[in-house]
């Protein structure tokens, strides 16, 4: 999984609070971009900030009265929103650190409230940076394999829908799971078409997005799905379940996508050639028409000159004929 970098956009009046958040993010293994550590003496502030935003996965906006009035914070927000639109990633995360007016640009964003409970807010922020919802949902949509079978997952909004194929049973009667995602945990219900059995379960997606660790239990078991996995593993009736992404399946999907992309590229080339052919044909026709017109003009010109020459010749012939006739009369 690529390294995460968080750009810290703030007003200078909030430096102490920003340093505290930076320290906690550093401890959690999240890299941070803070101007005072990244901009050297003599360097262009605007250029370095633009570089910092473009190289970061997230822009954390520390919302305060001072930030609302800061021109630099406003520029950083605009640059981040442009990048968000272009890359289609959720990169802008507002952090409300004191009562203030929220700008119209940020009102569409859900913020993390640091005003009353710092510990809860920083943990929420770290979880959000480690497990961006869109990336988690995209990662889940795949084929997962375990010791006893294969799990086929797909997502619809925040819902997770899946089929479980037990290797030792009829594939026509798979197990079904459906649930939702909370941070990196999937909480689901399960049923099995082969019997009337049903129950609940959880999966925790690891930070590499390659492993699902969790388990399931029958519906008559009273087990808290919010407990840490370590505690769940020690509870009677909790059945461990571990899956990893099927790399062969991934490779087939990659090849399928590559073939689709290749086909699209070939289609674009074909269309381009067709357009080029039509343009060339049109250009050739236009030139032929121009040449034809020039030929007709030239032909008309030659014909006109021919008529003029013919008239001149006739006049000369008549004149010579009269002269000869006159000469003949003198001889008599």
Protein backbone atom coordinates (compact mmCIF):
# COMPACT_ATOMS: atom_id res chain seq x y z
CA UNK A 1 0.00 0.00 0.00
CA UNK A 2 1.45 3.41 -0.91
CA UNK A 3 2.77 5.74 1.78
CA UNK A 4 0.17 8.27 2.96
CA UNK A 5 1.07 11.95 3.18
CA UNK A 6 -1.15 14.52 4.88
CA UNK A 7 -0.76 18.22 4.03
CA UNK A 8 -1.48 20.40 7.08
CA UNK A 9 -3.28 23.59 6.00
CA UNK A 10 -3.55 26.07 8.89
CA UNK A 11 -3.29 29.63 10.07
CA UNK A 12 -0.09 30.58 11.90
CA UNK A 13 -2.10 31.43 15.01
CA UNK A 14 -2.90 27.72 15.44
CA UNK A 15 0.72 26.45 15.30
CA UNK A 16 0.71 24.82 18.77
CA UNK A 17 -2.43 22.79 18.04
CA UNK A 18 -1.14 21.81 14.58
CA UNK A 19 2.16 20.59 16.09
CA UNK A 20 0.23 18.38 18.53
CA UNK A 21 -1.78 16.77 15.70
CA UNK A 22 1.38 16.37 13.60
CA UNK A 23 3.13 14.57 16.49
CA UNK A 24 0.24 12.10 16.88
CA UNK A 25 0.07 11.44 13.13
CA UNK A 26 3.83 10.86 13.00
CA UNK A 27 3.50 8.28 15.80
CA UNK A 28 0.78 6.52 13.77
CA UNK A 29 3.14 6.24 10.80
CA UNK A 30 1.42 8.91 8.69
CA UNK A 31 3.77 11.35 6.99
CA UNK A 32 2.90 15.03 7.26
CA UNK A 33 3.72 18.09 5.15
CA UNK A 34 4.10 21.23 7.27
CA UNK A 35 5.39 24.45 5.72
CA UNK A 36 7.97 25.37 8.37
CA UNK A 37 9.74 22.01 7.87
CA UNK A 38 9.37 21.81 4.08
CA UNK A 39 10.08 25.32 2.77
CA UNK A 40 13.74 26.37 2.79
CA UNK A 41 15.20 29.86 2.98
CA UNK A 42 14.97 31.57 -0.41
CA UNK A 43 12.49 29.06 -1.90
CA UNK A 44 9.23 30.16 -3.49
CA UNK A 45 6.48 29.71 -0.89
CA UNK A 46 3.71 29.41 -3.50
CA UNK A 47 5.64 26.91 -5.62
CA UNK A 48 6.61 24.71 -2.65
CA UNK A 49 3.02 24.72 -1.34
CA UNK A 50 1.69 23.70 -4.76
CA UNK A 51 4.26 20.89 -4.87
CA UNK A 52 3.30 19.82 -1.36
CA UNK A 53 -0.41 19.61 -2.18
CA UNK A 54 0.18 17.71 -5.42
CA UNK A 55 2.38 15.13 -3.64
CA UNK A 56 -0.05 14.60 -0.71
CA UNK A 57 -2.91 12.12 -0.40
CA UNK A 58 -4.91 14.29 1.99
CA UNK A 59 -5.32 17.97 2.78
CA UNK A 60 -6.19 18.49 6.45
CA UNK A 61 -7.78 21.91 6.94
CA UNK A 62 -7.60 23.23 10.51
CA UNK A 63 -10.77 25.34 10.65
CA UNK A 64 -10.59 28.30 13.02
CA UNK A 65 -11.42 32.00 13.06
CA UNK A 66 -7.87 32.78 11.93
CA UNK A 67 -8.02 30.20 9.12
CA UNK A 68 -11.26 31.69 7.76
CA UNK A 69 -9.43 35.02 7.37
CA UNK A 70 -6.23 33.48 5.91
CA UNK A 71 -5.62 34.05 2.19
CA UNK A 72 -3.08 31.21 2.08
CA UNK A 73 -5.51 28.69 3.59
CA UNK A 74 -8.10 29.73 1.00
CA UNK A 75 -5.62 29.16 -1.84
CA UNK A 76 -4.68 25.75 -0.45
CA UNK A 77 -8.35 24.72 -0.22
CA UNK A 78 -8.98 25.77 -3.85
CA UNK A 79 -5.90 23.85 -5.07
CA UNK A 80 -6.91 20.73 -3.13
CA UNK A 81 -10.49 20.80 -4.45
CA UNK A 82 -9.16 21.04 -8.02
CA UNK A 83 -7.00 18.00 -7.39
CA UNK A 84 -9.94 16.19 -5.81
CA UNK A 85 -12.07 16.80 -8.90
CA UNK A 86 -9.31 15.72 -11.28
CA UNK A 87 -8.24 12.58 -9.39
CA UNK A 88 -11.72 11.70 -8.06
CA UNK A 89 -10.25 10.94 -4.63
CA UNK A 90 -11.55 12.22 -1.31
CA UNK A 91 -8.53 14.25 -0.25
CA UNK A 92 -9.99 17.25 1.60
CA UNK A 93 -10.69 16.61 5.32
CA UNK A 94 -11.83 19.57 7.46
CA UNK A 95 -10.84 19.57 11.15
CA UNK A 96 -12.96 21.89 13.32
CA UNK A 97 -10.72 23.10 16.16
CA UNK A 98 -12.85 26.03 17.39
CA UNK A 99 -16.19 27.68 16.74
CA UNK A 100 -16.01 29.55 13.45
CA UNK A 101 -17.90 30.23 10.25
CA UNK A 102 -17.48 27.34 7.81
CA UNK A 103 -16.81 28.48 4.25
CA UNK A 104 -19.29 27.62 1.50
CA UNK A 105 -16.63 25.45 -0.17
CA UNK A 106 -16.30 23.22 2.90
CA UNK A 107 -19.97 23.00 3.90
CA UNK A 108 -20.41 19.98 1.63
CA UNK A 109 -17.70 18.13 3.58
CA UNK A 110 -18.21 16.19 6.79
CA UNK A 111 -15.69 17.46 9.32
CA UNK A 112 -13.94 15.90 12.33
CA UNK A 113 -14.76 17.81 15.52
CA UNK A 114 -11.72 18.46 17.73
CA UNK A 115 -13.45 21.02 20.00
CA UNK A 116 -14.54 18.77 22.88
CA UNK A 117 -12.89 15.32 22.72
CA UNK A 118 -9.36 15.43 21.29
CA UNK A 119 -8.56 11.73 21.81
CA UNK A 120 -11.68 10.52 20.00
CA UNK A 121 -11.13 13.04 17.19
CA UNK A 122 -7.47 12.12 16.60
CA UNK A 123 -8.33 8.40 16.57
CA UNK A 124 -11.10 9.06 14.04
CA UNK A 125 -8.67 11.04 11.90
CA UNK A 126 -6.02 8.30 11.99
CA UNK A 127 -8.61 5.66 11.07
CA UNK A 128 -9.88 7.84 8.22
CA UNK A 129 -6.37 8.34 6.84
CA UNK A 130 -5.51 4.66 7.16
CA UNK A 131 -8.79 3.40 5.70
CA UNK A 132 -10.36 5.88 3.26
CA UNK A 133 -13.92 4.59 2.72
CA UNK A 134 -13.77 4.60 -1.07
CA UNK A 135 -10.50 2.68 -1.16
CA UNK A 136 -11.84 0.13 1.35
CA UNK A 137 -14.98 -0.46 -0.73
CA UNK A 138 -12.97 -0.79 -3.92
CA UNK A 139 -10.54 -3.21 -2.25
CA UNK A 140 -13.34 -5.46 -1.01
CA UNK A 141 -14.80 -6.02 -4.46
CA UNK A 142 -12.85 -9.13 -5.38
CA UNK A 143 -12.51 -12.90 -5.01
CA UNK A 144 -11.02 -13.99 -1.67
CA UNK A 145 -9.74 -17.50 -0.90
CA UNK A 146 -9.41 -19.37 2.38
CA UNK A 147 -8.76 -22.91 3.59
CA UNK A 148 -12.37 -24.05 3.20
CA UNK A 149 -13.64 -22.07 0.25
CA UNK A 150 -13.84 -18.90 -1.77
CA UNK A 151 -15.60 -15.65 -0.98
CA UNK A 152 -16.94 -13.40 -3.75
CA UNK A 153 -17.60 -9.85 -2.54
CA UNK A 154 -19.14 -6.81 -4.20
CA UNK A 155 -20.29 -3.47 -2.86
CA UNK A 156 -23.33 -1.27 -3.43
CA UNK A 157 -22.83 2.09 -1.75
CA UNK A 158 -21.74 1.23 1.80
CA UNK A 159 -23.28 -2.26 1.64
CA UNK A 160 -21.24 -5.41 1.16
CA UNK A 161 -22.84 -8.37 -0.60
CA UNK A 162 -21.16 -11.73 -1.03
CA UNK A 163 -21.38 -15.42 -1.85
CA UNK A 164 -19.38 -18.08 -0.06
CA UNK A 165 -18.50 -21.26 -1.95
CA UNK A 166 -17.67 -24.17 0.36
CA UNK A 167 -15.25 -26.40 -1.51
CA UNK A 168 -16.89 -29.56 -0.18
CA UNK A 169 -20.49 -28.69 -1.00
CA UNK A 170 -22.66 -28.12 -4.04
CA UNK A 171 -21.82 -24.79 -5.71
CA UNK A 172 -25.49 -24.36 -6.54
CA UNK A 173 -26.20 -23.80 -2.81
CA UNK A 174 -23.66 -21.23 -1.61
CA UNK A 175 -23.65 -19.25 1.59
CA UNK A 176 -24.72 -15.61 1.49
CA UNK A 177 -23.41 -12.65 3.43
CA UNK A 178 -24.61 -9.04 3.52
CA UNK A 179 -23.54 -6.21 5.77
CA UNK A 180 -21.89 -2.81 5.92
CA UNK A 181 -18.48 -1.22 6.40
CA UNK A 182 -17.42 0.70 9.51
CA UNK A 183 -13.88 2.01 9.06
CA UNK A 184 -11.93 -1.17 8.22
CA UNK A 185 -14.47 -3.59 9.75
CA UNK A 186 -17.24 -5.39 7.89
CA UNK A 187 -20.18 -6.40 10.06
CA UNK A 188 -22.36 -8.93 8.28
CA UNK A 189 -25.26 -11.38 8.53
CA UNK A 190 -24.97 -14.76 6.87
CA UNK A 191 -27.33 -17.46 5.63
CA UNK A 192 -26.78 -20.80 3.95
CA UNK A 193 -29.12 -21.91 1.18
CA UNK A 194 -28.42 -25.58 1.94
CA UNK A 195 -30.02 -25.35 5.38
CA UNK A 196 -31.96 -22.82 7.44
CA UNK A 197 -28.83 -21.81 9.37
CA UNK A 198 -28.09 -18.14 9.84
CA UNK A 199 -25.92 -15.92 11.98
CA UNK A 200 -23.55 -12.97 12.14
CA UNK A 201 -19.86 -12.24 11.67
CA UNK A 202 -17.12 -9.68 11.19
CA UNK A 203 -14.08 -9.17 8.98
CA UNK A 204 -11.21 -6.75 9.61
CA UNK A 205 -9.43 -5.58 6.45
CA UNK A 206 -5.69 -5.27 7.04
CA UNK A 207 -3.70 -2.16 6.10
CA UNK A 208 -2.38 -3.80 2.89
CA UNK A 209 -5.96 -4.43 1.68
CA UNK A 210 -4.92 -8.03 0.95
CA UNK A 211 -6.19 -9.93 4.03
CA UNK A 212 -9.57 -10.39 5.72
CA UNK A 213 -9.30 -11.61 9.32
CA UNK A 214 -12.45 -12.33 11.27
CA UNK A 215 -15.02 -14.97 12.01
CA UNK A 216 -18.66 -15.93 12.30
CA UNK A 217 -21.11 -17.18 14.91
CA UNK A 218 -24.63 -18.63 15.00
CA UNK A 219 -27.63 -16.37 15.50
CA UNK A 220 -28.34 -17.78 18.98
CA UNK A 221 -24.93 -16.61 20.25
CA UNK A 222 -24.84 -13.25 22.01
CA UNK A 223 -21.50 -11.87 20.79
CA UNK A 224 -20.59 -8.18 20.60
CA UNK A 225 -19.40 -7.39 17.04
CA UNK A 226 -17.62 -4.24 18.28
CA UNK A 227 -15.05 -6.15 20.35
CA UNK A 228 -11.43 -6.24 19.14
CA UNK A 229 -10.58 -9.33 17.11
CA UNK A 230 -8.16 -10.55 19.80
CA UNK A 231 -11.03 -10.73 22.31
CA UNK A 232 -13.45 -12.28 19.82
CA UNK A 233 -10.99 -15.10 19.09
CA UNK A 234 -11.18 -16.20 22.73
CA UNK A 235 -14.99 -16.34 22.89
CA UNK A 236 -16.70 -19.75 22.67
CA UNK A 237 -18.82 -20.03 19.55
CA UNK A 238 -16.71 -17.59 17.55
CA UNK A 239 -15.37 -19.43 14.47
CA UNK A 240 -12.25 -17.93 12.91
CA UNK A 241 -12.30 -17.04 9.24
CA UNK A 242 -9.30 -15.81 7.25
CA UNK A 243 -9.18 -14.97 3.56
CA UNK A 244 -6.63 -13.45 1.21
CA UNK A 245 -7.10 -11.94 -2.20
CA UNK A 246 -6.94 -14.46 -5.02
CA UNK A 247 -3.92 -13.21 -6.96
CA UNK A 248 -4.73 -15.41 -9.98
CA UNK A 249 -8.20 -13.89 -10.08
CA UNK A 250 -6.65 -10.43 -9.73
CA UNK A 251 -4.28 -11.18 -12.60
CA UNK A 252 -7.18 -12.31 -14.79
CA UNK A 253 -9.04 -9.09 -13.96
CA UNK A 254 -5.91 -7.07 -14.73
CA UNK A 255 -5.52 -8.87 -18.07
CA UNK A 256 -9.23 -8.38 -18.81
CA UNK A 257 -8.93 -4.68 -18.03
CA UNK A 258 -5.76 -4.47 -20.10
CA UNK A 259 -7.56 -6.12 -23.03
CA UNK A 260 -10.47 -3.69 -22.67
CA UNK A 261 -8.05 -0.75 -22.57
CA UNK A 262 -6.17 -2.15 -25.57
CA UNK A 263 -9.46 -2.57 -27.44
CA UNK A 264 -10.46 0.99 -26.60
CA UNK A 265 -7.06 2.24 -27.76
CA UNK A 266 -7.37 0.28 -31.01
CA UNK A 267 -10.87 1.68 -31.51
CA UNK A 268 -9.55 5.19 -30.94
CA UNK A 269 -6.75 4.56 -33.46
CA UNK A 270 -9.26 3.12 -35.93
CA UNK A 271 -11.57 6.12 -35.51
CA UNK A 272 -8.60 8.44 -35.85
CA UNK A 273 -7.53 6.70 -39.07
CA UNK A 274 -11.08 6.80 -40.38
CA UNK A 275 -11.31 10.49 -39.57
CA UNK A 276 -7.92 11.02 -41.18
CA UNK A 277 -9.04 9.04 -44.24
CA UNK A 278 -12.26 11.06 -44.49
CA UNK A 279 -10.35 14.30 -44.04
CA UNK A 280 -7.79 13.22 -46.62
CA UNK A 281 -10.50 12.12 -49.03
CA UNK A 282 -12.36 15.36 -48.49
CA UNK A 283 -9.18 17.34 -49.00
CA UNK A 284 -8.38 15.39 -52.14
CA UNK A 285 -11.89 16.02 -53.48
CA UNK A 286 -11.59 19.69 -52.67
CA UNK A 287 -8.27 19.89 -54.50
CA UNK A 288 -9.69 18.00 -57.50
CA UNK A 289 -12.59 20.43 -57.64
CA UNK A 290 -10.19 23.36 -57.50
CA UNK A 291 -8.01 21.75 -60.18
CA UNK A 292 -11.11 21.03 -62.25
CA UNK A 293 -12.22 24.61 -61.98
CA UNK A 294 -8.73 25.79 -62.89
CA UNK A 295 -8.74 23.40 -65.85
CA UNK A 296 -12.12 24.69 -67.04
CA UNK A 297 -10.94 28.27 -66.64
CA UNK A 298 -7.75 27.45 -68.54
CA UNK A 299 -9.73 25.60 -71.21
CA UNK A 300 -12.14 28.51 -71.57
CA UNK A 301 -9.21 30.88 -71.77
CA UNK A 302 -7.55 28.79 -74.47
CA UNK A 303 -10.81 28.48 -76.39
CA UNK A 304 -11.32 32.23 -76.15
CA UNK A 305 -7.79 32.85 -77.38
CA UNK A 306 -8.37 30.33 -80.15
CA UNK A 307 -11.48 32.17 -81.27
CA UNK A 308 -9.59 35.46 -81.21
CA UNK A 309 -6.75 33.93 -83.26
CA UNK A 310 -9.24 32.40 -85.65
CA UNK A 311 -10.92 35.78 -86.19
CA UNK A 312 -7.55 37.41 -86.72
CA UNK A 313 -6.59 34.72 -89.20
CA UNK A 314 -9.84 35.22 -91.11
CA UNK A 315 -9.25 38.97 -91.26
CA UNK A 316 -5.69 38.41 -92.55
CA UNK A 317 -6.96 35.89 -95.11
CA UNK A 318 -9.64 38.29 -96.38
CA UNK A 319 -7.13 41.11 -96.53
CA UNK A 320 -4.66 38.99 -98.54
CA UNK A 321 -7.44 37.86 -100.82
CA UNK A 322 -8.38 41.48 -101.61
CA UNK A 323 -4.75 42.40 -102.17
CA UNK A 324 -4.25 39.50 -104.58
CA UNK A 325 -7.39 40.41 -106.41
CA UNK A 326 -6.19 43.99 -106.82
CA UNK A 327 -2.80 42.88 -108.10
CA UNK A 328 -4.49 40.64 -110.67
CA UNK A 329 -6.55 43.57 -112.02
CA UNK A 330 -3.40 45.63 -112.58
CA UNK A 331 -1.91 42.84 -114.66
CA UNK A 332 -4.82 42.98 -117.05
